[in-house]
């Protein structure tokens, strides 16, 4: 495994989801952006993998 692989890093995947949600919010003011960030960071989908569960990509790579 490479020293740094963002595709296999759970935090990179999580930040990617946060950025996608914030872009979709299309805020136009600083206050609206801060409110969207607070709302987004408090959100997690019900099927989000737990910290101990490896993402499917990791399992697929490990079983090659």
PDB file of N, CA and C in Angstrom:
ATOM      1  N   UNK A   1       0.858  -1.175   0.000  1.00  0.00           N
ATOM      2  CA  UNK A   1       0.000   0.000   0.000  1.00  0.00           C
ATOM      3  C   UNK A   1       0.901   1.235   0.000  1.00  0.00           C
ATOM      4  N   UNK A   2       0.542   2.240  -0.793  1.00  0.00           N
ATOM      5  CA  UNK A   2       1.345   3.457  -0.826  1.00  0.00           C
ATOM      6  C   UNK A   2       1.352   4.161   0.529  1.00  0.00           C
ATOM      7  N   UNK A   3       2.362   4.981   0.729  1.00  0.00           N
ATOM      8  CA  UNK A   3       2.474   5.714   1.994  1.00  0.00           C
ATOM      9  C   UNK A   3       1.246   6.586   2.244  1.00  0.00           C
ATOM     10  N   UNK A   4       0.688   7.163   1.191  1.00  0.00           N
ATOM     11  CA  UNK A   4      -0.505   7.988   1.340  1.00  0.00           C
ATOM     12  C   UNK A   4      -1.461   7.648   0.214  1.00  0.00           C
ATOM     13  N   UNK A   5      -2.591   7.144   0.577  1.00  0.00           N
ATOM     14  CA  UNK A   5      -3.588   6.760  -0.416  1.00  0.00           C
ATOM     15  C   UNK A   5      -4.936   7.341  -0.004  1.00  0.00           C
ATOM     16  N   UNK A   6      -5.310   8.518  -0.528  1.00  0.00           N
ATOM     17  CA  UNK A   6      -6.559   9.158  -0.098  1.00  0.00           C
ATOM     18  C   UNK A   6      -7.799   8.312  -0.361  1.00  0.00           C
ATOM     19  N   UNK A   7      -7.758   7.431  -1.362  1.00  0.00           N
ATOM     20  CA  UNK A   7      -8.916   6.580  -1.640  1.00  0.00           C
ATOM     21  C   UNK A   7      -9.173   5.584  -0.523  1.00  0.00           C
ATOM     22  N   UNK A   8      -8.147   5.266   0.250  1.00  0.00           N
ATOM     23  CA  UNK A   8      -8.283   4.282   1.318  1.00  0.00           C
ATOM     24  C   UNK A   8      -8.320   4.923   2.703  1.00  0.00           C
ATOM     25  N   UNK A   9      -8.294   6.233   2.767  1.00  0.00           N
ATOM     26  CA  UNK A   9      -8.278   6.950   4.026  1.00  0.00           C
ATOM     27  C   UNK A   9      -9.705   7.387   4.371  1.00  0.00           C
ATOM     28  N   UNK A  10     -10.223   6.859   5.473  1.00  0.00           N
ATOM     29  CA  UNK A  10     -11.616   7.129   5.858  1.00  0.00           C
ATOM     30  C   UNK A  10     -11.887   8.618   6.071  1.00  0.00           C
ATOM     31  N   UNK A  11     -10.927   9.355   6.631  1.00  0.00           N
ATOM     32  CA  UNK A  11     -11.165  10.776   6.887  1.00  0.00           C
ATOM     33  C   UNK A  11     -11.261  11.555   5.580  1.00  0.00           C
ATOM     34  N   UNK A  12     -10.487  11.153   4.566  1.00  0.00           N
ATOM     35  CA  UNK A  12     -10.573  11.819   3.262  1.00  0.00           C
ATOM     36  C   UNK A  12     -11.945  11.590   2.641  1.00  0.00           C
ATOM     37  N   UNK A  13     -12.460  10.373   2.778  1.00  0.00           N
ATOM     38  CA  UNK A  13     -13.796  10.056   2.266  1.00  0.00           C
ATOM     39  C   UNK A  13     -14.849  10.898   2.978  1.00  0.00           C
ATOM     40  N   UNK A  14     -14.713  11.025   4.292  1.00  0.00           N
ATOM     41  CA  UNK A  14     -15.673  11.819   5.072  1.00  0.00           C
ATOM     42  C   UNK A  14     -15.631  13.288   4.674  1.00  0.00           C
ATOM     43  N   UNK A  15     -14.427  13.858   4.535  1.00  0.00           N
ATOM     44  CA  UNK A  15     -14.318  15.257   4.133  1.00  0.00           C
ATOM     45  C   UNK A  15     -14.871  15.464   2.731  1.00  0.00           C
ATOM     46  N   UNK A  16     -14.713  14.470   1.876  1.00  0.00           N
ATOM     47  CA  UNK A  16     -15.284  14.560   0.530  1.00  0.00           C
ATOM     48  C   UNK A  16     -16.796  14.697   0.576  1.00  0.00           C
ATOM     49  N   UNK A  17     -17.430  13.926   1.471  1.00  0.00           N
ATOM     50  CA  UNK A  17     -18.887  14.012   1.617  1.00  0.00           C
ATOM     51  C   UNK A  17     -19.297  15.378   2.168  1.00  0.00           C
ATOM     52  N   UNK A  18     -18.533  15.885   3.142  1.00  0.00           N
ATOM     53  CA  UNK A  18     -18.824  17.203   3.718  1.00  0.00           C
ATOM     54  C   UNK A  18     -18.729  18.277   2.634  1.00  0.00           C
ATOM     55  N   UNK A  19     -17.667  18.243   1.829  1.00  0.00           N
ATOM     56  CA  UNK A  19     -17.500  19.246   0.771  1.00  0.00           C
ATOM     57  C   UNK A  19     -18.616  19.167  -0.262  1.00  0.00           C
ATOM     58  N   UNK A  20     -19.053  17.964  -0.587  1.00  0.00           N
ATOM     59  CA  UNK A  20     -20.150  17.801  -1.549  1.00  0.00           C
ATOM     60  C   UNK A  20     -21.430  18.436  -1.014  1.00  0.00           C
ATOM     61  N   UNK A  21     -21.726  18.201   0.249  1.00  0.00           N
ATOM     62  CA  UNK A  21     -22.935  18.757   0.871  1.00  0.00           C
ATOM     63  C   UNK A  21     -22.847  20.283   0.926  1.00  0.00           C
ATOM     64  N   UNK A  22     -21.670  20.819   1.279  1.00  0.00           N
ATOM     65  CA  UNK A  22     -21.512  22.275   1.362  1.00  0.00           C
ATOM     66  C   UNK A  22     -21.630  22.937  -0.008  1.00  0.00           C
ATOM     67  N   UNK A  23     -21.100  22.300  -1.034  1.00  0.00           N
ATOM     68  CA  UNK A  23     -21.251  22.864  -2.387  1.00  0.00           C
ATOM     69  C   UNK A  23     -22.727  22.905  -2.784  1.00  0.00           C
ATOM     70  N   UNK A  24     -23.456  21.851  -2.438  1.00  0.00           N
ATOM     71  CA  UNK A  24     -24.876  21.785  -2.788  1.00  0.00           C
ATOM     72  C   UNK A  24     -25.686  22.854  -2.049  1.00  0.00           C
ATOM     73  N   UNK A  25     -25.209  23.275  -0.863  1.00  0.00           N
ATOM     74  CA  UNK A  25     -25.925  24.297  -0.082  1.00  0.00           C
ATOM     75  C   UNK A  25     -25.879  25.661  -0.776  1.00  0.00           C
ATOM     76  N   UNK A  26     -24.877  25.912  -1.596  1.00  0.00           N
ATOM     77  CA  UNK A  26     -24.733  27.155  -2.360  1.00  0.00           C
ATOM     78  C   UNK A  26     -24.923  28.406  -1.498  1.00  0.00           C
ATOM     79  N   UNK A  27     -24.210  28.462  -0.397  1.00  0.00           N
ATOM     80  CA  UNK A  27     -24.311  29.631   0.479  1.00  0.00           C
ATOM     81  C   UNK A  27     -23.658  30.839  -0.184  1.00  0.00           C
ATOM     82  N   UNK A  28     -24.170  32.019   0.149  1.00  0.00           N
ATOM     83  CA  UNK A  28     -23.665  33.253  -0.454  1.00  0.00           C
ATOM     84  C   UNK A  28     -23.081  34.217   0.577  1.00  0.00           C
ATOM     85  N   UNK A  29     -23.277  33.933   1.856  1.00  0.00           N
ATOM     86  CA  UNK A  29     -22.732  34.816   2.889  1.00  0.00           C
ATOM     87  C   UNK A  29     -21.902  33.995   3.866  1.00  0.00           C
ATOM     88  N   UNK A  30     -21.047  34.686   4.595  1.00  0.00           N
ATOM     89  CA  UNK A  30     -20.196  34.037   5.590  1.00  0.00           C
ATOM     90  C   UNK A  30     -21.042  33.361   6.666  1.00  0.00           C
ATOM     91  N   UNK A  31     -22.067  34.064   7.156  1.00  0.00           N
ATOM     92  CA  UNK A  31     -22.929  33.500   8.195  1.00  0.00           C
ATOM     93  C   UNK A  31     -23.671  32.260   7.696  1.00  0.00           C
ATOM     94  N   UNK A  32     -24.141  32.298   6.461  1.00  0.00           N
ATOM     95  CA  UNK A  32     -24.834  31.138   5.895  1.00  0.00           C
ATOM     96  C   UNK A  32     -23.877  29.957   5.748  1.00  0.00           C
ATOM     97  N   UNK A  33     -22.635  30.246   5.375  1.00  0.00           N
ATOM     98  CA  UNK A  33     -21.633  29.188   5.251  1.00  0.00           C
ATOM     99  C   UNK A  33     -21.355  28.555   6.611  1.00  0.00           C
ATOM    100  N   UNK A  34     -21.182  29.377   7.639  1.00  0.00           N
ATOM    101  CA  UNK A  34     -20.939  28.844   8.980  1.00  0.00           C
ATOM    102  C   UNK A  34     -22.105  27.988   9.459  1.00  0.00           C
ATOM    103  N   UNK A  35     -23.328  28.424   9.185  1.00  0.00           N
ATOM    104  CA  UNK A  35     -24.506  27.637   9.567  1.00  0.00           C
ATOM    105  C   UNK A  35     -24.541  26.307   8.814  1.00  0.00           C
ATOM    106  N   UNK A  36     -24.193  26.330   7.533  1.00  0.00           N
ATOM    107  CA  UNK A  36     -24.177  25.101   6.734  1.00  0.00           C
ATOM    108  C   UNK A  36     -23.096  24.145   7.225  1.00  0.00           C
ATOM    109  N   UNK A  37     -21.939  24.689   7.607  1.00  0.00           N
ATOM    110  CA  UNK A  37     -20.863  23.846   8.142  1.00  0.00           C
ATOM    111  C   UNK A  37     -21.312  23.182   9.436  1.00  0.00           C
ATOM    112  N   UNK A  38     -21.907  23.963  10.340  1.00  0.00           N
ATOM    113  CA  UNK A  38     -22.373  23.404  11.609  1.00  0.00           C
ATOM    114  C   UNK A  38     -23.410  22.309  11.377  1.00  0.00           C
ATOM    115  N   UNK A  39     -24.323  22.549  10.457  1.00  0.00           N
ATOM    116  CA  UNK A  39     -25.359  21.560  10.156  1.00  0.00           C
ATOM    117  C   UNK A  39     -24.742  20.307   9.531  1.00  0.00           C
ATOM    118  N   UNK A  40     -23.804  20.493   8.613  1.00  0.00           N
ATOM    119  CA  UNK A  40     -23.179  19.374   7.914  1.00  0.00           C
ATOM    120  C   UNK A  40     -22.346  18.516   8.857  1.00  0.00           C
ATOM    121  N   UNK A  41     -21.586  19.135   9.743  1.00  0.00           N
ATOM    122  CA  UNK A  41     -20.740  18.365  10.651  1.00  0.00           C
ATOM    123  C   UNK A  41     -21.559  17.587  11.671  1.00  0.00           C
ATOM    124  N   UNK A  42     -22.783  18.011  11.913  1.00  0.00           N
ATOM    125  CA  UNK A  42     -23.656  17.272  12.822  1.00  0.00           C
ATOM    126  C   UNK A  42     -24.409  16.146  12.144  1.00  0.00           C
ATOM    127  N   UNK A  43     -24.278  16.056  10.830  1.00  0.00           N
ATOM    128  CA  UNK A  43     -25.028  15.084  10.040  1.00  0.00           C
ATOM    129  C   UNK A  43     -24.176  13.868   9.738  1.00  0.00           C
ATOM    130  N   UNK A  44     -24.774  12.700   9.801  1.00  0.00           N
ATOM    131  CA  UNK A  44     -24.115  11.495   9.286  1.00  0.00           C
ATOM    132  C   UNK A  44     -25.207  10.552   8.812  1.00  0.00           C
ATOM    133  N   UNK A  45     -25.027   9.983   7.640  1.00  0.00           N
ATOM    134  CA  UNK A  45     -26.053   9.091   7.113  1.00  0.00           C
ATOM    135  C   UNK A  45     -26.146   7.821   7.952  1.00  0.00           C
ATOM    136  N   UNK A  46     -27.316   7.199   7.999  1.00  0.00           N
ATOM    137  CA  UNK A  46     -27.483   6.006   8.830  1.00  0.00           C
ATOM    138  C   UNK A  46     -26.594   4.843   8.409  1.00  0.00           C
ATOM    139  N   UNK A  47     -26.212   4.779   7.147  1.00  0.00           N
ATOM    140  CA  UNK A  47     -25.399   3.655   6.685  1.00  0.00           C
ATOM    141  C   UNK A  47     -23.916   4.004   6.564  1.00  0.00           C
ATOM    142  N   UNK A  48     -23.493   5.081   7.198  1.00  0.00           N
ATOM    143  CA  UNK A  48     -22.081   5.461   7.163  1.00  0.00           C
ATOM    144  C   UNK A  48     -21.289   4.381   7.895  1.00  0.00           C
ATOM    145  N   UNK A  49     -20.181   3.892   7.322  1.00  0.00           N
ATOM    146  CA  UNK A  49     -19.426   2.836   7.994  1.00  0.00           C
ATOM    147  C   UNK A  49     -18.885   3.304   9.340  1.00  0.00           C
ATOM    148  N   UNK A  50     -18.871   2.413  10.284  1.00  0.00           N
ATOM    149  CA  UNK A  50     -18.303   2.719  11.592  1.00  0.00           C
ATOM    150  C   UNK A  50     -16.784   2.780  11.445  1.00  0.00           C
ATOM    151  N   UNK A  51     -16.113   3.348  12.428  1.00  0.00           N
ATOM    152  CA  UNK A  51     -14.666   3.510  12.344  1.00  0.00           C
ATOM    153  C   UNK A  51     -13.967   2.165  12.192  1.00  0.00           C
ATOM    154  N   UNK A  52     -14.456   1.137  12.860  1.00  0.00           N
ATOM    155  CA  UNK A  52     -13.811  -0.168  12.815  1.00  0.00           C
ATOM    156  C   UNK A  52     -14.081  -0.963  11.554  1.00  0.00           C
ATOM    157  N   UNK A  53     -15.019  -0.536  10.730  1.00  0.00           N
ATOM    158  CA  UNK A  53     -15.354  -1.265   9.509  1.00  0.00           C
ATOM    159  C   UNK A  53     -14.554  -0.708   8.338  1.00  0.00           C
ATOM    160  N   UNK A  54     -13.732  -1.549   7.684  1.00  0.00           N
ATOM    161  CA  UNK A  54     -12.979  -1.025   6.543  1.00  0.00           C
ATOM    162  C   UNK A  54     -13.894  -0.761   5.358  1.00  0.00           C
ATOM    163  N   UNK A  55     -13.630   0.302   4.623  1.00  0.00           N
ATOM    164  CA  UNK A  55     -14.416   0.551   3.415  1.00  0.00           C
ATOM    165  C   UNK A  55     -14.260  -0.601   2.428  1.00  0.00           C
ATOM    166  N   UNK A  56     -15.217  -0.764   1.568  1.00  0.00           N
ATOM    167  CA  UNK A  56     -15.214  -1.849   0.586  1.00  0.00           C
ATOM    168  C   UNK A  56     -13.937  -1.826  -0.246  1.00  0.00           C
ATOM    169  N   UNK A  57     -13.457  -0.642  -0.594  1.00  0.00           N
ATOM    170  CA  UNK A  57     -12.246  -0.536  -1.416  1.00  0.00           C
ATOM    171  C   UNK A  57     -11.053  -1.201  -0.735  1.00  0.00           C
ATOM    172  N   UNK A  58     -10.928  -1.024   0.569  1.00  0.00           N
ATOM    173  CA  UNK A  58      -9.809  -1.633   1.294  1.00  0.00           C
ATOM    174  C   UNK A  58      -9.932  -3.149   1.271  1.00  0.00           C
ATOM    175  N   UNK A  59     -11.130  -3.655   1.530  1.00  0.00           N
ATOM    176  CA  UNK A  59     -11.344  -5.102   1.522  1.00  0.00           C
ATOM    177  C   UNK A  59     -11.025  -5.672   0.146  1.00  0.00           C
ATOM    178  N   UNK A  60     -11.458  -4.999  -0.901  1.00  0.00           N
ATOM    179  CA  UNK A  60     -11.190  -5.479  -2.259  1.00  0.00           C
ATOM    180  C   UNK A  60      -9.694  -5.512  -2.549  1.00  0.00           C
ATOM    181  N   UNK A  61      -8.970  -4.511  -2.112  1.00  0.00           N
ATOM    182  CA  UNK A  61      -7.528  -4.476  -2.354  1.00  0.00           C
ATOM    183  C   UNK A  61      -6.819  -5.558  -1.547  1.00  0.00           C
ATOM    184  N   UNK A  62      -7.259  -5.772  -0.324  1.00  0.00           N
ATOM    185  CA  UNK A  62      -6.616  -6.768   0.530  1.00  0.00           C
ATOM    186  C   UNK A  62      -6.857  -8.191   0.046  1.00  0.00           C
ATOM    187  N   UNK A  63      -7.938  -8.417  -0.681  1.00  0.00           N
ATOM    188  CA  UNK A  63      -8.251  -9.774  -1.132  1.00  0.00           C
ATOM    189  C   UNK A  63      -7.742 -10.058  -2.535  1.00  0.00           C
ATOM    190  N   UNK A  64      -7.003  -9.158  -3.128  1.00  0.00           N
ATOM    191  CA  UNK A  64      -6.447  -9.384  -4.473  1.00  0.00           C
ATOM    192  C   UNK A  64      -5.317 -10.376  -4.424  1.00  0.00           C
TER     193      UNK A  64
END
